Amino acid sequence: MKGGLLVVLAVAAGLTGCQTLRNISEERDSRNVEFGHAWISDQMFPAEINVVGSWTSRDWGEASLSQTDRVVKGQVGDYPVDGVVSGAKVYLLASHGGRYVYSIVLEMPSPNLLIGYYSRSIPYQSSNRRHIRLDRRSNQL
């Protein structure tokens, strides 16, 4: 009888621990989204560039971006992206599984090129950035 009670207590403790971990994970995910949205909201200048189109990156693969006014949506490689154009820069958040995993800042030095940096930090931090380059597919513009 004692052994059965120990098993029940162990299972209950395990389930309680799982719920605690789930709560911590949900809170972390919520903060991730909150920080990402705050970072995007801070970018408030009117759009000076248009990034609509199909792009390609040697490191990320294919990309497709749409833009309505300042708001940008699309896909960069395997990641859905949401963001804004603020002035002459593009600010994107790349997500995976409902969580933001990369923040991206791009500039357009020519109509067929987006260059900049991405970071695993949400919001973007230049201390751990890496280069990113997107070339417009040649059949556009």
C-alpha atoms as a PDB file:
ATOM      1  CA  MET A   1       0.000   0.000   0.000  1.00  0.00           C
ATOM      2  CA  LYS A   2       2.815   2.366   0.897  1.00  0.00           C
ATOM      3  CA  GLY A   3       4.438   1.867  -2.519  1.00  0.00           C
ATOM      4  CA  GLY A   4       1.205   2.750  -4.327  1.00  0.00           C
ATOM      5  CA  LEU A   5       0.816   5.934  -2.309  1.00  0.00           C
ATOM      6  CA  LEU A   6       4.383   6.947  -3.134  1.00  0.00           C
ATOM      7  CA  VAL A   7       3.711   6.440  -6.837  1.00  0.00           C
ATOM      8  CA  VAL A   8       0.566   8.593  -6.647  1.00  0.00           C
ATOM      9  CA  LEU A   9       2.454  11.325  -4.758  1.00  0.00           C
ATOM     10  CA  ALA A  10       5.336  11.209  -7.247  1.00  0.00           C
ATOM     11  CA  VAL A  11       2.962  11.486 -10.205  1.00  0.00           C
ATOM     12  CA  ALA A  12       1.098  14.398  -8.550  1.00  0.00           C
ATOM     13  CA  ALA A  13       4.370  16.181  -7.795  1.00  0.00           C
ATOM     14  CA  GLY A  14       5.503  15.632 -11.378  1.00  0.00           C
ATOM     15  CA  LEU A  15       2.270  17.027 -12.777  1.00  0.00           C
ATOM     16  CA  THR A  16       2.500  20.055 -10.487  1.00  0.00           C
ATOM     17  CA  GLY A  17       6.066  20.612 -11.678  1.00  0.00           C
ATOM     18  CA  CYS A  18       4.930  20.359 -15.293  1.00  0.00           C
ATOM     19  CA  GLN A  19       2.259  22.985 -14.664  1.00  0.00           C
ATOM     20  CA  THR A  20       4.834  25.263 -13.037  1.00  0.00           C
ATOM     21  CA  LEU A  21       7.171  24.862 -16.013  1.00  0.00           C
ATOM     22  CA  ARG A  22       4.264  25.498 -18.376  1.00  0.00           C
ATOM     23  CA  ASN A  23       3.398  28.703 -16.496  1.00  0.00           C
ATOM     24  CA  ILE A  24       7.005  29.901 -16.630  1.00  0.00           C
ATOM     25  CA  SER A  25       7.179  29.117 -20.346  1.00  0.00           C
ATOM     26  CA  GLU A  26       3.903  30.947 -21.062  1.00  0.00           C
ATOM     27  CA  GLU A  27       5.112  33.983 -19.110  1.00  0.00           C
ATOM     28  CA  ARG A  28       8.417  33.994 -21.002  1.00  0.00           C
ATOM     29  CA  ASP A  29       6.581  33.742 -24.333  1.00  0.00           C
ATOM     30  CA  SER A  30       4.233  36.568 -23.335  1.00  0.00           C
ATOM     31  CA  ARG A  31       7.176  38.832 -22.428  1.00  0.00           C
ATOM     32  CA  ASN A  32       8.904  37.924 -25.703  1.00  0.00           C
ATOM     33  CA  VAL A  33       5.873  39.071 -27.709  1.00  0.00           C
ATOM     34  CA  GLU A  34       5.427  42.167 -25.533  1.00  0.00           C
ATOM     35  CA  PHE A  35       9.085  43.214 -25.967  1.00  0.00           C
ATOM     36  CA  GLY A  36       8.907  42.595 -29.723  1.00  0.00           C
ATOM     37  CA  HIS A  37       5.761  44.672 -30.158  1.00  0.00           C
ATOM     38  CA  ALA A  38       7.217  47.500 -28.050  1.00  0.00           C
ATOM     39  CA  TRP A  39      10.376  47.538 -30.203  1.00  0.00           C
ATOM     40  CA  ILE A  40       8.345  47.689 -33.428  1.00  0.00           C
ATOM     41  CA  SER A  41       6.064  50.394 -31.960  1.00  0.00           C
ATOM     42  CA  ASP A  42       9.098  52.570 -31.228  1.00  0.00           C
ATOM     43  CA  GLN A  43       9.812  52.828 -34.986  1.00  0.00           C
ATOM     44  CA  MET A  44       7.455  55.677 -35.911  1.00  0.00           C
ATOM     45  CA  PHE A  45       8.763  57.564 -38.979  1.00  0.00           C
ATOM     46  CA  PRO A  46       6.773  57.584 -42.237  1.00  0.00           C
ATOM     47  CA  ALA A  47       7.933  54.990 -44.760  1.00  0.00           C
ATOM     48  CA  GLU A  48      10.492  56.252 -47.281  1.00  0.00           C
ATOM     49  CA  ILE A  49      11.045  52.903 -49.017  1.00  0.00           C
ATOM     50  CA  ASN A  50       8.933  50.069 -50.403  1.00  0.00           C
ATOM     51  CA  VAL A  51      10.139  46.511 -49.816  1.00  0.00           C
ATOM     52  CA  VAL A  52       7.330  44.620 -51.591  1.00  0.00           C
ATOM     53  CA  GLY A  53       8.532  41.655 -53.580  1.00  0.00           C
ATOM     54  CA  SER A  54      10.464  38.442 -53.722  1.00  0.00           C
ATOM     55  CA  TRP A  55      13.982  38.395 -52.396  1.00  0.00           C
ATOM     56  CA  THR A  56      16.735  35.850 -51.983  1.00  0.00           C
ATOM     57  CA  SER A  57      19.497  35.461 -49.435  1.00  0.00           C
ATOM     58  CA  ARG A  58      22.517  33.218 -49.634  1.00  0.00           C
ATOM     59  CA  ASP A  59      22.221  32.449 -45.909  1.00  0.00           C
ATOM     60  CA  TRP A  60      18.445  32.596 -45.326  1.00  0.00           C
ATOM     61  CA  GLY A  61      17.000  31.349 -48.626  1.00  0.00           C
ATOM     62  CA  GLU A  62      13.936  32.815 -50.298  1.00  0.00           C
ATOM     63  CA  ALA A  63      12.012  35.757 -48.875  1.00  0.00           C
ATOM     64  CA  SER A  64       8.710  37.361 -49.750  1.00  0.00           C
ATOM     65  CA  LEU A  65       7.574  40.694 -48.320  1.00  0.00           C
ATOM     66  CA  SER A  66       4.347  42.653 -48.601  1.00  0.00           C
ATOM     67  CA  GLN A  67       3.884  46.205 -47.388  1.00  0.00           C
ATOM     68  CA  THR A  68       0.755  48.232 -46.666  1.00  0.00           C
ATOM     69  CA  ASP A  69       1.659  51.804 -45.747  1.00  0.00           C
ATOM     70  CA  ARG A  70       4.339  51.148 -43.094  1.00  0.00           C
ATOM     71  CA  VAL A  71       3.313  47.621 -42.102  1.00  0.00           C
ATOM     72  CA  VAL A  72       5.389  44.728 -43.470  1.00  0.00           C
ATOM     73  CA  LYS A  73       4.453  41.041 -43.442  1.00  0.00           C
ATOM     74  CA  GLY A  74       5.980  38.061 -45.128  1.00  0.00           C
ATOM     75  CA  GLN A  75       8.459  35.254 -44.920  1.00  0.00           C
ATOM     76  CA  VAL A  76      12.249  35.290 -44.680  1.00  0.00           C
ATOM     77  CA  GLY A  77      13.632  31.812 -45.138  1.00  0.00           C
ATOM     78  CA  ASP A  78      11.658  29.494 -42.871  1.00  0.00           C
ATOM     79  CA  TYR A  79      10.436  32.319 -40.638  1.00  0.00           C
ATOM     80  CA  PRO A  80       7.220  34.329 -40.846  1.00  0.00           C
ATOM     81  CA  VAL A  81       8.035  38.013 -40.316  1.00  0.00           C
ATOM     82  CA  ASP A  82       6.062  41.038 -39.137  1.00  0.00           C
ATOM     83  CA  GLY A  83       7.330  44.566 -38.869  1.00  0.00           C
ATOM     84  CA  VAL A  84       7.363  48.116 -40.143  1.00  0.00           C
ATOM     85  CA  VAL A  85       9.204  50.471 -42.419  1.00  0.00           C
ATOM     86  CA  SER A  86      10.316  53.514 -40.468  1.00  0.00           C
ATOM     87  CA  GLY A  87      12.062  56.137 -42.551  1.00  0.00           C
ATOM     88  CA  ALA A  88      14.581  54.360 -44.752  1.00  0.00           C
ATOM     89  CA  LYS A  89      14.848  51.259 -42.543  1.00  0.00           C
ATOM     90  CA  VAL A  90      12.886  48.040 -42.163  1.00  0.00           C
ATOM     91  CA  TYR A  91      12.357  46.539 -38.708  1.00  0.00           C
ATOM     92  CA  LEU A  92      11.261  42.902 -38.690  1.00  0.00           C
ATOM     93  CA  LEU A  93      10.507  40.235 -36.116  1.00  0.00           C
ATOM     94  CA  ALA A  94      10.960  36.640 -37.277  1.00  0.00           C
ATOM     95  CA  SER A  95       8.927  34.048 -35.424  1.00  0.00           C
ATOM     96  CA  HIS A  96       8.915  30.323 -34.861  1.00  0.00           C
ATOM     97  CA  GLY A  97       6.265  28.462 -32.907  1.00  0.00           C
ATOM     98  CA  GLY A  98       4.505  31.638 -31.772  1.00  0.00           C
ATOM     99  CA  ARG A  99       7.690  33.165 -30.367  1.00  0.00           C
ATOM    100  CA  TYR A 100       9.949  35.807 -31.827  1.00  0.00           C
ATOM    101  CA  VAL A 101      13.378  34.333 -32.442  1.00  0.00           C
ATOM    102  CA  TYR A 102      15.124  37.048 -34.466  1.00  0.00           C
ATOM    103  CA  SER A 103      14.929  40.813 -34.782  1.00  0.00           C
ATOM    104  CA  ILE A 104      16.120  42.246 -38.101  1.00  0.00           C
ATOM    105  CA  VAL A 105      17.074  45.776 -39.163  1.00  0.00           C
ATOM    106  CA  LEU A 106      17.552  46.425 -42.886  1.00  0.00           C
ATOM    107  CA  GLU A 107      18.405  49.381 -45.116  1.00  0.00           C
ATOM    108  CA  MET A 108      17.880  49.701 -48.885  1.00  0.00           C
ATOM    109  CA  PRO A 109      20.974  51.264 -50.501  1.00  0.00           C
ATOM    110  CA  SER A 110      19.517  50.463 -53.948  1.00  0.00           C
ATOM    111  CA  PRO A 111      16.077  49.292 -55.154  1.00  0.00           C
ATOM    112  CA  ASN A 112      17.323  45.710 -55.520  1.00  0.00           C
ATOM    113  CA  LEU A 113      19.199  45.298 -52.248  1.00  0.00           C
ATOM    114  CA  LEU A 114      18.362  45.120 -48.550  1.00  0.00           C
ATOM    115  CA  ILE A 115      21.308  44.892 -46.172  1.00  0.00           C
ATOM    116  CA  GLY A 116      21.585  45.027 -42.435  1.00  0.00           C
ATOM    117  CA  TYR A 117      21.804  42.922 -39.341  1.00  0.00           C
ATOM    118  CA  TYR A 118      19.831  40.368 -37.395  1.00  0.00           C
ATOM    119  CA  SER A 119      19.983  39.509 -33.728  1.00  0.00           C
ATOM    120  CA  ARG A 120      18.683  36.663 -31.592  1.00  0.00           C
ATOM    121  CA  SER A 121      17.745  39.298 -29.010  1.00  0.00           C
ATOM    122  CA  ILE A 122      14.205  40.583 -28.693  1.00  0.00           C
ATOM    123  CA  PRO A 123      14.292  43.524 -28.959  1.00  0.00           C
ATOM    124  CA  TYR A 124      17.246  43.929 -31.305  1.00  0.00           C
ATOM    125  CA  GLN A 125      20.661  44.398 -29.728  1.00  0.00           C
ATOM    126  CA  SER A 126      23.714  45.292 -31.766  1.00  0.00           C
ATOM    127  CA  SER A 127      26.030  43.487 -29.343  1.00  0.00           C
ATOM    128  CA  ASN A 128      25.166  40.082 -30.852  1.00  0.00           C
ATOM    129  CA  ARG A 129      24.285  41.002 -34.425  1.00  0.00           C
ATOM    130  CA  ARG A 130      25.130  39.224 -37.659  1.00  0.00           C
ATOM    131  CA  HIS A 131      24.989  40.421 -41.255  1.00  0.00           C
ATOM    132  CA  ILE A 132      22.010  39.749 -43.512  1.00  0.00           C
ATOM    133  CA  ARG A 133      21.648  40.523 -47.205  1.00  0.00           C
ATOM    134  CA  LEU A 134      18.545  40.184 -49.356  1.00  0.00           C
ATOM    135  CA  ASP A 135      18.760  40.597 -53.145  1.00  0.00           C
ATOM    136  CA  ARG A 136      15.588  41.353 -55.080  1.00  0.00           C
ATOM    137  CA  ARG A 137      14.660  38.641 -57.560  1.00  0.00           C
ATOM    138  CA  SER A 138      15.635  39.922 -61.015  1.00  0.00           C
ATOM    139  CA  ASN A 139      12.152  39.690 -62.559  1.00  0.00           C
ATOM    140  CA  GLN A 140      10.742  42.493 -60.380  1.00  0.00           C
ATOM    141  CA  LEU A 141      10.623  46.272 -60.071  1.00  0.00           C
END
